[in-house]
Amino acid sequence: MASTSVQRETVARKALRLYPDRTVEPAGYGVYRVEGREVAYTVDLGIDGGVESCDCPAHKPCYHIAMATIYRARTRMEARRVQTARTAERAARGNLEPLNALERMGA
């Protein structure tokens, strides 16, 4: 009897595959609306110590929770990148100001 293996797509892989084509909208306080095949589902990531949940009929964990997690991670990463760039720009200006002052004095 030949053994056959059926590889099931993991929740994370499915979320990563579908993420570019589906809409994820923040609703506030760790709650997101995630587009499903036919309707949008409400996902609560439980960021304040709660439990992750999704109102879809699928078994948990579902890919809607994974997609909301991806969205949150990417938006937080982008916000940090922007903040880091602003901080670096302020630091550079602060470091250059004494040099500019010396240049103005003719040193």
C-alpha atoms as a PDB file:
ATOM      1  CA  MET A   1       0.000   0.000   0.000  1.00  0.00           C
ATOM      2  CA  ALA A   2       1.558   3.269  -1.124  1.00  0.00           C
ATOM      3  CA  SER A   3       1.719   6.029   1.396  1.00  0.00           C
ATOM      4  CA  THR A   4       0.428   9.388   0.206  1.00  0.00           C
ATOM      5  CA  SER A   5       1.107  12.573   2.048  1.00  0.00           C
ATOM      6  CA  VAL A   6      -1.236  15.471   1.743  1.00  0.00           C
ATOM      7  CA  GLN A   7       0.448  18.747   2.478  1.00  0.00           C
ATOM      8  CA  ARG A   8      -1.966  21.213   3.929  1.00  0.00           C
ATOM      9  CA  GLU A   9      -1.222  24.871   3.629  1.00  0.00           C
ATOM     10  CA  THR A  10      -0.482  26.294   7.056  1.00  0.00           C
ATOM     11  CA  VAL A  11      -2.533  29.182   8.383  1.00  0.00           C
ATOM     12  CA  ALA A  12       0.512  31.459   8.258  1.00  0.00           C
ATOM     13  CA  ARG A  13       1.356  30.545   4.648  1.00  0.00           C
ATOM     14  CA  LYS A  14      -2.242  31.042   3.572  1.00  0.00           C
ATOM     15  CA  ALA A  15      -2.343  34.447   5.271  1.00  0.00           C
ATOM     16  CA  LEU A  16       0.911  35.506   3.611  1.00  0.00           C
ATOM     17  CA  ARG A  17      -0.343  34.317   0.227  1.00  0.00           C
ATOM     18  CA  LEU A  18      -3.710  36.092   0.500  1.00  0.00           C
ATOM     19  CA  TYR A  19      -2.540  39.247   2.306  1.00  0.00           C
ATOM     20  CA  PRO A  20      -1.678  41.299  -0.805  1.00  0.00           C
ATOM     21  CA  ASP A  21      -5.123  40.693  -2.329  1.00  0.00           C
ATOM     22  CA  ARG A  22      -7.323  41.141   0.741  1.00  0.00           C
ATOM     23  CA  THR A  23      -8.290  44.253   2.640  1.00  0.00           C
ATOM     24  CA  VAL A  24      -7.442  44.639   6.317  1.00  0.00           C
ATOM     25  CA  GLU A  25      -8.831  47.730   8.039  1.00  0.00           C
ATOM     26  CA  PRO A  26      -8.098  48.790  11.599  1.00  0.00           C
ATOM     27  CA  ALA A  27     -11.204  49.411  13.712  1.00  0.00           C
ATOM     28  CA  GLY A  28      -9.298  50.520  16.835  1.00  0.00           C
ATOM     29  CA  TYR A  29      -7.944  48.953  20.033  1.00  0.00           C
ATOM     30  CA  GLY A  30      -6.529  45.874  18.295  1.00  0.00           C
ATOM     31  CA  VAL A  31      -9.722  45.148  16.361  1.00  0.00           C
ATOM     32  CA  TYR A  32      -9.572  44.747  12.581  1.00  0.00           C
ATOM     33  CA  ARG A  33     -11.982  44.070   9.740  1.00  0.00           C
ATOM     34  CA  VAL A  34     -10.448  41.413   7.495  1.00  0.00           C
ATOM     35  CA  GLU A  35     -11.862  40.654   4.071  1.00  0.00           C
ATOM     36  CA  GLY A  36     -12.780  37.021   3.632  1.00  0.00           C
ATOM     37  CA  ARG A  37     -13.873  35.218   0.496  1.00  0.00           C
ATOM     38  CA  GLU A  38     -17.415  36.577   0.632  1.00  0.00           C
ATOM     39  CA  VAL A  39     -17.684  38.872   3.658  1.00  0.00           C
ATOM     40  CA  ALA A  40     -15.438  40.756   6.050  1.00  0.00           C
ATOM     41  CA  TYR A  41     -14.821  39.323   9.503  1.00  0.00           C
ATOM     42  CA  THR A  42     -14.039  41.084  12.749  1.00  0.00           C
ATOM     43  CA  VAL A  43     -10.760  40.074  14.331  1.00  0.00           C
ATOM     44  CA  ASP A  44      -9.721  41.045  17.848  1.00  0.00           C
ATOM     45  CA  LEU A  45      -6.010  40.538  18.441  1.00  0.00           C
ATOM     46  CA  GLY A  46      -6.445  40.829  22.198  1.00  0.00           C
ATOM     47  CA  ILE A  47      -3.557  43.290  22.492  1.00  0.00           C
ATOM     48  CA  ASP A  48      -4.546  44.386  26.001  1.00  0.00           C
ATOM     49  CA  GLY A  49      -4.142  40.931  27.488  1.00  0.00           C
ATOM     50  CA  GLY A  50      -7.261  39.464  25.948  1.00  0.00           C
ATOM     51  CA  VAL A  51      -7.676  36.422  23.756  1.00  0.00           C
ATOM     52  CA  GLU A  52      -7.383  36.543  19.971  1.00  0.00           C
ATOM     53  CA  SER A  53     -10.716  35.963  18.298  1.00  0.00           C
ATOM     54  CA  CYS A  54     -12.400  36.051  14.905  1.00  0.00           C
ATOM     55  CA  ASP A  55     -16.104  35.854  14.125  1.00  0.00           C
ATOM     56  CA  CYS A  56     -15.601  33.608  11.077  1.00  0.00           C
ATOM     57  CA  PRO A  57     -17.044  30.088  11.094  1.00  0.00           C
ATOM     58  CA  ALA A  58     -13.628  28.460  10.526  1.00  0.00           C
ATOM     59  CA  HIS A  59     -11.791  26.438  13.100  1.00  0.00           C
ATOM     60  CA  LYS A  60      -9.251  28.361  15.100  1.00  0.00           C
ATOM     61  CA  PRO A  61      -6.645  29.486  14.387  1.00  0.00           C
ATOM     62  CA  CYS A  62      -7.914  31.060  11.214  1.00  0.00           C
ATOM     63  CA  TYR A  63      -6.009  32.962   8.574  1.00  0.00           C
ATOM     64  CA  HIS A  64      -7.998  36.141   9.336  1.00  0.00           C
ATOM     65  CA  ILE A  65      -6.208  36.422  12.694  1.00  0.00           C
ATOM     66  CA  ALA A  66      -2.877  35.831  10.939  1.00  0.00           C
ATOM     67  CA  MET A  67      -3.672  38.509   8.333  1.00  0.00           C
ATOM     68  CA  ALA A  68      -4.586  41.057  11.027  1.00  0.00           C
ATOM     69  CA  THR A  69      -1.336  40.200  12.813  1.00  0.00           C
ATOM     70  CA  ILE A  70       0.640  40.735   9.596  1.00  0.00           C
ATOM     71  CA  TYR A  71      -1.107  44.077   9.033  1.00  0.00           C
ATOM     72  CA  ARG A  72      -0.375  45.217  12.588  1.00  0.00           C
ATOM     73  CA  ALA A  73       3.270  44.163  12.380  1.00  0.00           C
ATOM     74  CA  ARG A  74       3.808  45.900   9.043  1.00  0.00           C
ATOM     75  CA  THR A  75       2.135  49.157  10.093  1.00  0.00           C
ATOM     76  CA  ARG A  76       4.075  49.218  13.377  1.00  0.00           C
ATOM     77  CA  MET A  77       7.310  48.520  11.486  1.00  0.00           C
ATOM     78  CA  GLU A  78       6.591  51.394   9.086  1.00  0.00           C
ATOM     79  CA  ALA A  79       5.770  53.746  11.959  1.00  0.00           C
ATOM     80  CA  ARG A  80       9.058  52.835  13.658  1.00  0.00           C
ATOM     81  CA  ARG A  81      10.960  53.363  10.421  1.00  0.00           C
ATOM     82  CA  VAL A  82       9.469  56.836  10.004  1.00  0.00           C
ATOM     83  CA  GLN A  83      10.127  57.706  13.655  1.00  0.00           C
ATOM     84  CA  THR A  84      13.717  56.471  13.398  1.00  0.00           C
ATOM     85  CA  ALA A  85      14.266  58.574  10.278  1.00  0.00           C
ATOM     86  CA  ARG A  86      12.887  61.656  12.032  1.00  0.00           C
ATOM     87  CA  THR A  87      15.052  61.035  15.090  1.00  0.00           C
ATOM     88  CA  ALA A  88      18.143  60.537  12.925  1.00  0.00           C
ATOM     89  CA  GLU A  89      17.391  63.743  11.022  1.00  0.00           C
ATOM     90  CA  ARG A  90      17.038  65.722  14.272  1.00  0.00           C
ATOM     91  CA  ALA A  91      20.262  64.212  15.600  1.00  0.00           C
ATOM     92  CA  ALA A  92      22.109  65.067  12.394  1.00  0.00           C
ATOM     93  CA  ARG A  93      20.856  68.653  12.519  1.00  0.00           C
ATOM     94  CA  GLY A  94      21.893  68.865  16.170  1.00  0.00           C
ATOM     95  CA  ASN A  95      25.356  67.539  15.374  1.00  0.00           C
ATOM     96  CA  LEU A  96      25.791  69.842  12.405  1.00  0.00           C
ATOM     97  CA  GLU A  97      24.704  73.015  14.192  1.00  0.00           C
ATOM     98  CA  PRO A  98      27.987  73.479  16.122  1.00  0.00           C
ATOM     99  CA  LEU A  99      29.937  72.902  12.892  1.00  0.00           C
ATOM    100  CA  ASN A 100      27.784  75.435  11.063  1.00  0.00           C
ATOM    101  CA  ALA A 101      28.339  77.936  13.891  1.00  0.00           C
ATOM    102  CA  LEU A 102      32.097  77.474  13.624  1.00  0.00           C
ATOM    103  CA  GLU A 103      31.899  77.918   9.870  1.00  0.00           C
ATOM    104  CA  ARG A 104      29.923  81.142  10.281  1.00  0.00           C
ATOM    105  CA  MET A 105      32.595  82.426  12.698  1.00  0.00           C
ATOM    106  CA  GLY A 106      35.216  81.756  10.057  1.00  0.00           C
ATOM    107  CA  ALA A 107      37.000  78.946  11.812  1.00  0.00           C
END
